[in-house]
Amino acid sequence: MSDGKIKVMVVDDSAVIRGFLSRYLKEDDMIDVVCSAYNGIVALKNMDRYDLDVIILDIEMPEMDGMTALPLILEKDKNVQVIIASTLTQRNADITLKALQIGAAECLAKPTSAELNTSDNFKRDLIEKTKALGLYSNRKKGIKLNPVISDKKPDSNKIIINDGEVKLRLEKYRGHIDAIAIGSSTGGPQALTNVITNLKCHKITQPIFITQHMPATFTKILAANLQKVSDIECKEAEHDEIVRGGVIYIAPGDYHMLIEKDGLNKKIVLNQEAPENFCRPSVDPMLRSLNSAYGNKILMVMLTGMGHDGLDETTKLAGIDANIIAQNRETSVVWGMPGAIAVKGLCNKILPLDEIATNIISYAKR
């Protein structure tokens, strides 16, 4: 019987880091840190004693590291959600992306011990991602927890519980699509891999612009992985580069990605202006620029993600009859970003993940 709290285990070989993470998480009344562990062996033993919802897992630990422990954790409990917390190095970013491919739900760039006391963004991300994934874990178990539900637009990127009635918008623009935009966050790397892999061999001629909430370093490796699975040119976007059809552009971590007219061409513009919806990169600036550059000749796809990033500018795209697809609740890890636009009646289609690539192809071939 659930007591209405999300049960968490923190796994890290540093006692200092375990202490900080546990203290941060305990500040939220909805989270209960029930145990901790200094390596994968102890973590697996703890799983025999506790019914866990979320595990915060370090990569580098003695005796059994995070990558060795991860498949054993997922084999032991198919419902538990794992957040990989690693220091931001090229090697750790590569390992983290591999962890996401084999079943981890989310990643966090872990501050150093010296930075922990001053890292408000990390603290907020840790708490909100833990809550979002905890709710997902409980949903998989058939348990419905009851966080505060609001039908008002939130003033932060906190969890939205989108339980409102979904209403589809009539498709009015049936002409040629010049660009495809995708927004995603929690659960996004796995969802993007599914979608982009299934575009393979279909020779999409439009540019595809993706904003995935990820730290710097991670996005370059994500782009390389997507190219590997799809054989489609996929790259981390560069400032001032000319947009080419058939190329997938990923917004770099810590930069907003905009697309602007440049004579007869379009070009990428990157900036480090203030985060929007607590995110940089953020989906809203990308969509705002695409609206200006392409008008309603874009296809917008919103995949799984926490919060409401993209809601404002998707509303404007719907207002000019652009075509909009959202991933459905059943296949989303967190139905925040897609749910926010679905319950506002902005979508022409709300689809399971496995049907999204087919629909992108259909729109692209018109």
Protein backbone atom coordinates (compact mmCIF):
# COMPACT_ATOMS: atom_id res chain seq x y z
CA MET A 1 0.00 0.00 0.00
CA SER A 2 1.46 3.35 -1.08
CA ASP A 3 1.68 6.16 1.50
CA GLY A 4 1.50 8.70 -1.31
CA LYS A 5 5.24 9.33 -1.42
CA ILE A 6 7.85 8.57 -4.08
CA LYS A 7 10.42 6.10 -2.74
CA VAL A 8 13.99 6.93 -3.75
CA MET A 9 17.44 5.35 -3.38
CA VAL A 10 20.61 7.42 -3.91
CA VAL A 11 23.62 5.46 -5.19
CA ASP A 12 27.01 7.23 -5.19
CA ASP A 13 30.44 6.30 -3.88
CA SER A 14 30.87 9.75 -2.29
CA ALA A 15 29.27 10.12 1.13
CA VAL A 16 29.26 13.89 0.61
CA ILE A 17 27.32 13.61 -2.66
CA ARG A 18 24.90 11.08 -1.16
CA GLY A 19 24.27 13.46 1.71
CA PHE A 20 23.62 16.47 -0.51
CA LEU A 21 21.34 14.59 -2.90
CA SER A 22 19.35 13.05 -0.07
CA ARG A 23 18.95 16.38 1.69
CA TYR A 24 17.79 18.11 -1.49
CA LEU A 25 15.24 15.41 -2.24
CA LYS A 26 13.87 15.34 1.29
CA GLU A 27 12.98 19.03 1.02
CA ASP A 28 10.01 18.00 -1.11
CA ASP A 29 7.12 16.53 0.87
CA MET A 30 6.28 14.12 -1.94
CA ILE A 31 9.70 12.39 -1.87
CA ASP A 32 10.99 9.86 0.67
CA VAL A 33 14.67 8.86 0.43
CA VAL A 34 14.37 5.41 1.96
CA CYS A 35 17.98 4.24 1.51
CA SER A 36 21.35 4.94 -0.08
CA ALA A 37 24.28 2.87 -1.36
CA TYR A 38 27.95 3.43 -2.18
CA ASN A 39 28.10 0.98 -5.09
CA GLY A 40 25.98 -1.25 -7.32
CA ILE A 41 26.31 -4.33 -5.11
CA VAL A 42 24.77 -2.57 -2.09
CA ALA A 43 22.14 -0.98 -4.33
CA LEU A 44 20.97 -4.39 -5.58
CA LYS A 45 20.78 -5.71 -2.00
CA ASN A 46 18.71 -2.68 -0.99
CA MET A 47 16.24 -3.47 -3.76
CA ASP A 48 15.42 -6.72 -1.96
CA ARG A 49 14.41 -4.72 1.13
CA TYR A 50 12.62 -1.70 -0.32
CA ASP A 51 9.92 -1.09 -2.93
CA LEU A 52 11.55 1.71 -4.89
CA ASP A 53 10.18 4.11 -7.49
CA VAL A 54 13.31 6.04 -8.50
CA ILE A 55 17.03 5.34 -8.24
CA ILE A 56 19.64 8.11 -8.61
CA LEU A 57 22.66 6.22 -9.99
CA ASP A 58 26.29 7.33 -10.25
CA ILE A 59 28.45 5.90 -13.04
CA GLU A 60 31.90 5.57 -11.49
CA MET A 61 31.89 3.47 -8.29
CA PRO A 62 34.13 0.73 -6.82
CA GLU A 63 33.36 -3.02 -7.01
CA MET A 64 30.29 -2.53 -9.22
CA ASP A 65 29.86 0.63 -11.27
CA GLY A 66 26.65 2.16 -12.54
CA MET A 67 26.76 0.66 -16.03
CA THR A 68 27.24 -2.83 -14.64
CA ALA A 69 24.47 -2.34 -12.10
CA LEU A 70 21.93 -0.75 -14.45
CA PRO A 71 20.77 -3.85 -16.39
CA LEU A 72 20.66 -5.85 -13.15
CA ILE A 73 18.52 -3.13 -11.54
CA LEU A 74 16.10 -3.10 -14.48
CA GLU A 75 15.95 -6.90 -14.51
CA LYS A 76 15.10 -6.90 -10.80
CA ASP A 77 12.32 -4.29 -11.12
CA LYS A 78 10.86 -3.35 -14.50
CA ASN A 79 8.93 -0.42 -13.00
CA VAL A 80 11.75 1.40 -11.23
CA GLN A 81 13.01 4.55 -12.97
CA VAL A 82 16.76 5.23 -13.05
CA ILE A 83 18.30 8.71 -13.27
CA ILE A 84 21.98 8.65 -14.21
CA ALA A 85 23.85 11.38 -12.33
CA SER A 86 27.36 11.87 -13.70
CA THR A 87 30.01 14.56 -13.81
CA LEU A 88 30.09 16.40 -17.12
CA THR A 89 32.96 14.87 -19.07
CA GLN A 90 33.04 13.61 -22.66
CA ARG A 91 33.57 10.04 -21.46
CA ASN A 92 30.75 10.18 -18.91
CA ALA A 93 28.41 11.79 -21.45
CA ASP A 94 29.06 8.91 -23.85
CA ILE A 95 28.45 6.34 -21.10
CA THR A 96 25.29 8.16 -20.00
CA LEU A 97 23.83 8.07 -23.52
CA LYS A 98 24.52 4.33 -23.60
CA ALA A 99 22.75 4.01 -20.25
CA LEU A 100 19.71 5.79 -21.69
CA GLN A 101 19.73 3.37 -24.63
CA ILE A 102 19.61 0.33 -22.36
CA GLY A 103 16.85 1.61 -20.10
CA ALA A 104 17.80 4.54 -17.86
CA ALA A 105 15.02 7.13 -17.91
CA GLU A 106 16.90 10.40 -17.47
CA CYS A 107 20.31 11.96 -16.94
CA LEU A 108 21.61 14.80 -14.79
CA ALA A 109 24.96 16.56 -15.03
CA LYS A 110 26.21 16.30 -11.45
CA PRO A 111 27.97 19.35 -9.98
CA THR A 112 31.25 18.94 -8.15
CA SER A 113 31.19 18.79 -4.35
CA ALA A 114 32.26 22.45 -4.25
CA GLU A 115 29.40 23.51 -6.55
CA LEU A 116 26.56 21.62 -4.87
CA ASN A 117 25.68 24.33 -2.36
CA THR A 118 25.30 26.95 -5.09
CA SER A 119 23.67 24.90 -7.84
CA ASP A 120 19.99 25.85 -7.65
CA ASN A 121 19.32 24.64 -11.20
CA PHE A 122 20.65 21.17 -10.39
CA LYS A 123 18.59 21.02 -7.22
CA ARG A 124 15.40 22.00 -9.04
CA ASP A 125 16.04 19.52 -11.87
CA LEU A 126 16.82 16.73 -9.43
CA ILE A 127 13.60 17.22 -7.47
CA GLU A 128 11.28 17.74 -10.42
CA LYS A 129 12.68 14.89 -12.51
CA THR A 130 12.51 12.57 -9.52
CA LYS A 131 8.87 13.49 -8.95
CA ALA A 132 7.94 13.15 -12.62
CA LEU A 133 9.58 9.74 -12.92
CA GLY A 134 8.20 8.66 -9.56
CA LEU A 135 4.68 9.38 -10.79
CA TYR A 136 5.43 7.40 -13.96
CA SER A 137 6.75 4.46 -11.93
CA ASN A 138 3.64 4.42 -9.78
CA ARG A 139 1.42 4.66 -12.84
CA LYS A 140 3.12 1.56 -14.25
CA LYS A 141 2.34 -0.20 -10.97
CA GLY A 142 -1.29 0.88 -11.14
CA ILE A 143 -0.91 3.35 -8.27
CA LYS A 144 -2.13 6.92 -8.69
CA LEU A 145 -0.45 9.45 -6.43
CA ASN A 146 -2.11 12.80 -5.90
CA PRO A 147 0.16 15.81 -6.38
CA VAL A 148 -1.41 19.25 -6.61
CA ILE A 149 -3.26 19.59 -9.90
CA SER A 150 -3.78 22.99 -11.50
CA ASP A 151 -5.53 23.95 -14.72
CA LYS A 152 -3.68 27.27 -14.77
CA LYS A 153 -0.56 27.78 -16.81
CA PRO A 154 2.35 27.24 -14.39
CA ASP A 155 4.96 29.91 -13.82
CA SER A 156 7.77 27.34 -13.66
CA ASN A 157 8.84 24.16 -15.38
CA LYS A 158 7.37 21.96 -12.65
CA ILE A 159 5.30 18.89 -13.32
CA ILE A 160 1.97 19.38 -15.02
CA ILE A 161 -0.62 16.68 -14.43
CA ASN A 162 -2.55 16.83 -17.68
CA ASP A 163 -5.81 15.07 -16.90
CA GLY A 164 -8.03 17.42 -18.88
CA GLU A 165 -10.20 16.42 -21.82
CA VAL A 166 -8.27 16.11 -25.08
CA LYS A 167 -9.78 17.69 -28.19
CA LEU A 168 -8.22 17.48 -31.65
CA ARG A 169 -7.94 20.51 -33.92
CA LEU A 170 -9.15 20.21 -37.50
CA GLU A 171 -6.31 20.05 -40.02
CA LYS A 172 -6.61 23.06 -42.32
CA TYR A 173 -3.21 23.39 -43.99
CA ARG A 174 -2.69 20.49 -46.40
CA GLY A 175 0.10 21.94 -48.49
CA HIS A 176 3.84 21.27 -48.70
CA ILE A 177 5.87 21.08 -45.46
CA ASP A 178 9.17 22.99 -45.56
CA ALA A 179 10.57 22.06 -42.13
CA ILE A 180 10.00 19.66 -39.25
CA ALA A 181 10.43 20.65 -35.59
CA ILE A 182 10.65 18.27 -32.63
CA GLY A 183 10.62 19.15 -28.93
CA SER A 184 11.43 16.67 -26.17
CA SER A 185 12.72 16.37 -22.62
CA THR A 186 12.42 13.56 -20.04
CA GLY A 187 12.39 10.26 -21.92
CA GLY A 188 13.30 12.16 -25.07
CA PRO A 189 16.55 10.45 -26.10
CA GLN A 190 14.81 7.07 -26.27
CA ALA A 191 11.78 8.55 -28.06
CA LEU A 192 14.00 10.39 -30.54
CA THR A 193 15.93 7.20 -31.26
CA ASN A 194 12.64 5.45 -32.05
CA VAL A 195 11.41 8.23 -34.35
CA ILE A 196 14.67 8.97 -36.18
CA THR A 197 15.50 5.28 -36.66
CA ASN A 198 12.12 4.78 -38.33
CA LEU A 199 12.80 7.65 -40.75
CA LYS A 200 15.70 5.64 -42.16
CA CYS A 201 15.56 4.97 -45.92
CA HIS A 202 12.68 7.41 -46.49
CA LYS A 203 14.81 10.30 -47.81
CA ILE A 204 13.19 13.14 -45.91
CA THR A 205 14.13 16.28 -47.86
CA GLN A 206 13.12 18.83 -45.21
CA PRO A 207 15.48 19.97 -42.46
CA ILE A 208 14.57 18.59 -39.03
CA PHE A 209 15.19 20.81 -36.00
CA ILE A 210 15.30 19.19 -32.56
CA THR A 211 15.40 20.81 -29.14
CA GLN A 212 16.02 18.18 -26.48
CA HIS A 213 16.60 19.36 -22.91
CA MET A 214 20.13 18.10 -22.25
CA PRO A 215 23.35 19.54 -20.85
CA ALA A 216 26.27 20.62 -23.03
CA THR A 217 28.47 17.71 -24.20
CA PHE A 218 25.51 15.32 -24.14
CA THR A 219 23.86 16.83 -27.23
CA LYS A 220 26.85 16.26 -29.53
CA ILE A 221 26.91 12.58 -28.56
CA LEU A 222 23.13 12.35 -28.97
CA ALA A 223 23.50 13.71 -32.52
CA ALA A 224 26.21 11.16 -33.32
CA ASN A 225 24.07 8.32 -31.95
CA LEU A 226 21.02 9.38 -33.96
CA GLN A 227 23.10 9.50 -37.13
CA LYS A 228 24.48 6.06 -36.40
CA VAL A 229 21.04 4.44 -36.02
CA SER A 230 19.44 6.23 -38.96
CA ASP A 231 22.17 6.89 -41.56
CA ILE A 232 20.68 10.40 -41.81
CA GLU A 233 23.10 13.29 -41.39
CA CYS A 234 22.54 14.49 -37.84
CA LYS A 235 24.63 17.13 -36.15
CA GLU A 236 24.83 19.51 -33.25
CA ALA A 237 23.83 22.87 -34.78
CA GLU A 238 26.53 25.49 -35.34
CA HIS A 239 26.13 29.25 -35.23
CA ASP A 240 25.61 30.92 -38.64
CA GLU A 241 25.58 27.67 -40.62
CA ILE A 242 23.27 27.54 -43.63
CA VAL A 243 20.34 25.14 -43.22
CA ARG A 244 20.38 22.19 -45.62
CA GLY A 245 17.43 19.99 -46.46
CA GLY A 246 17.50 16.42 -45.21
CA VAL A 247 19.79 17.26 -42.27
CA ILE A 248 18.83 16.85 -38.60
CA TYR A 249 19.97 19.74 -36.38
CA ILE A 250 20.18 19.29 -32.59
CA ALA A 251 20.18 22.39 -30.37
CA PRO A 252 23.48 22.37 -28.42
CA GLY A 253 23.27 22.07 -24.66
CA ASP A 254 23.16 25.50 -22.96
CA TYR A 255 22.26 27.31 -26.23
CA HIS A 256 18.92 28.30 -27.70
CA MET A 257 18.69 27.35 -31.38
CA LEU A 258 16.95 29.79 -33.72
CA ILE A 259 16.41 29.63 -37.47
CA GLU A 260 16.49 32.90 -39.39
CA LYS A 261 16.07 33.98 -43.01
CA ASP A 262 19.36 34.77 -44.78
CA GLY A 263 18.50 36.00 -48.25
CA LEU A 264 17.18 32.99 -50.14
CA ASN A 265 18.54 30.67 -47.44
CA LYS A 266 17.86 29.95 -43.79
CA LYS A 267 20.62 29.92 -41.21
CA ILE A 268 21.10 28.69 -37.65
CA VAL A 269 21.56 31.29 -34.92
CA LEU A 270 22.68 30.17 -31.45
CA ASN A 271 22.49 32.35 -28.36
CA GLN A 272 22.77 32.16 -24.61
CA GLU A 273 19.94 34.51 -23.77
CA ALA A 274 18.01 33.88 -20.57
CA PRO A 275 16.50 30.40 -20.17
CA GLU A 276 12.81 30.10 -21.02
CA ASN A 277 10.69 27.80 -18.88
CA PHE A 278 13.91 27.23 -16.92
CA CYS A 279 15.41 25.61 -20.03
CA ARG A 280 18.31 26.42 -22.32
CA PRO A 281 17.94 25.13 -24.97
CA SER A 282 14.23 25.75 -24.92
CA VAL A 283 11.58 24.66 -27.41
CA ASP A 284 9.76 28.01 -27.39
CA PRO A 285 12.58 30.11 -28.95
CA MET A 286 13.06 27.49 -31.67
CA LEU A 287 9.36 27.50 -32.53
CA ARG A 288 9.16 31.29 -32.40
CA SER A 289 11.93 31.54 -34.98
CA LEU A 290 10.46 28.79 -37.16
CA ASN A 291 7.13 30.61 -37.19
CA SER A 292 8.92 33.68 -38.53
CA ALA A 293 11.08 31.77 -41.01
CA TYR A 294 8.58 29.23 -42.37
CA GLY A 295 5.10 30.31 -41.28
CA ASN A 296 2.58 27.47 -41.25
CA LYS A 297 4.69 25.28 -43.56
CA ILE A 298 6.18 23.40 -40.65
CA LEU A 299 5.25 20.18 -38.91
CA MET A 300 5.60 20.41 -35.13
CA VAL A 301 6.05 17.21 -33.12
CA MET A 302 6.05 17.24 -29.30
CA LEU A 303 7.49 14.17 -27.63
CA THR A 304 7.63 13.07 -24.00
CA GLY A 305 8.88 15.68 -21.57
CA MET A 306 8.40 17.34 -18.21
CA GLY A 307 6.87 20.78 -17.86
CA HIS A 308 5.25 23.00 -20.48
CA ASP A 309 8.14 24.21 -22.64
CA GLY A 310 6.82 24.86 -26.16
CA LEU A 311 3.22 25.56 -25.12
CA ASP A 312 3.29 29.31 -25.86
CA GLU A 313 4.71 29.07 -29.36
CA THR A 314 2.76 25.93 -30.28
CA THR A 315 -0.36 27.95 -29.46
CA LYS A 316 0.75 30.56 -31.99
CA LEU A 317 1.52 27.89 -34.61
CA ALA A 318 -1.94 26.43 -34.15
CA GLY A 319 -3.29 29.93 -34.69
CA ILE A 320 -1.79 30.02 -38.20
CA ASP A 321 -2.96 26.44 -38.96
CA ALA A 322 0.43 24.72 -38.79
CA ASN A 323 0.21 20.95 -38.34
CA ILE A 324 0.95 19.68 -34.83
CA ILE A 325 1.43 16.15 -33.47
CA ALA A 326 1.82 15.14 -29.81
CA GLN A 327 2.95 11.83 -28.37
CA ASN A 328 0.14 10.19 -26.42
CA ARG A 329 0.08 9.75 -22.66
CA GLU A 330 0.34 5.96 -22.71
CA THR A 331 3.73 5.93 -24.45
CA SER A 332 5.18 9.08 -22.85
CA VAL A 333 7.49 8.75 -19.87
CA VAL A 334 6.19 12.15 -18.73
CA TRP A 335 3.07 13.61 -20.35
CA GLY A 336 3.96 17.18 -19.51
CA MET A 337 5.05 18.90 -22.72
CA PRO A 338 2.87 16.84 -25.08
CA GLY A 339 0.00 16.82 -22.58
CA ALA A 340 0.12 20.60 -22.20
CA ILE A 341 -0.58 21.14 -25.90
CA ALA A 342 -3.00 18.20 -26.14
CA VAL A 343 -5.38 19.41 -23.44
CA LYS A 344 -5.34 22.91 -24.96
CA GLY A 345 -6.76 21.48 -28.20
CA LEU A 346 -3.73 22.47 -30.28
CA CYS A 347 -3.00 19.09 -31.88
CA ASN A 348 -4.16 17.66 -35.17
CA LYS A 349 -3.03 14.21 -34.03
CA ILE A 350 -2.14 12.56 -30.72
CA LEU A 351 -0.26 9.35 -31.46
CA PRO A 352 1.59 6.44 -29.86
CA LEU A 353 5.34 6.76 -30.23
CA ASP A 354 5.56 3.94 -32.80
CA GLU A 355 3.20 5.79 -35.17
CA ILE A 356 4.94 9.17 -35.13
CA ALA A 357 7.66 8.45 -37.71
CA THR A 358 5.09 7.10 -40.20
CA ASN A 359 3.07 10.28 -39.85
CA ILE A 360 6.14 12.50 -40.23
CA ILE A 361 6.91 10.67 -43.49
CA SER A 362 3.35 11.15 -44.67
CA TYR A 363 3.45 14.91 -44.05
CA ALA A 364 6.97 15.23 -45.52
CA LYS A 365 6.01 13.49 -48.78
CA ARG A 366 3.04 15.76 -49.54
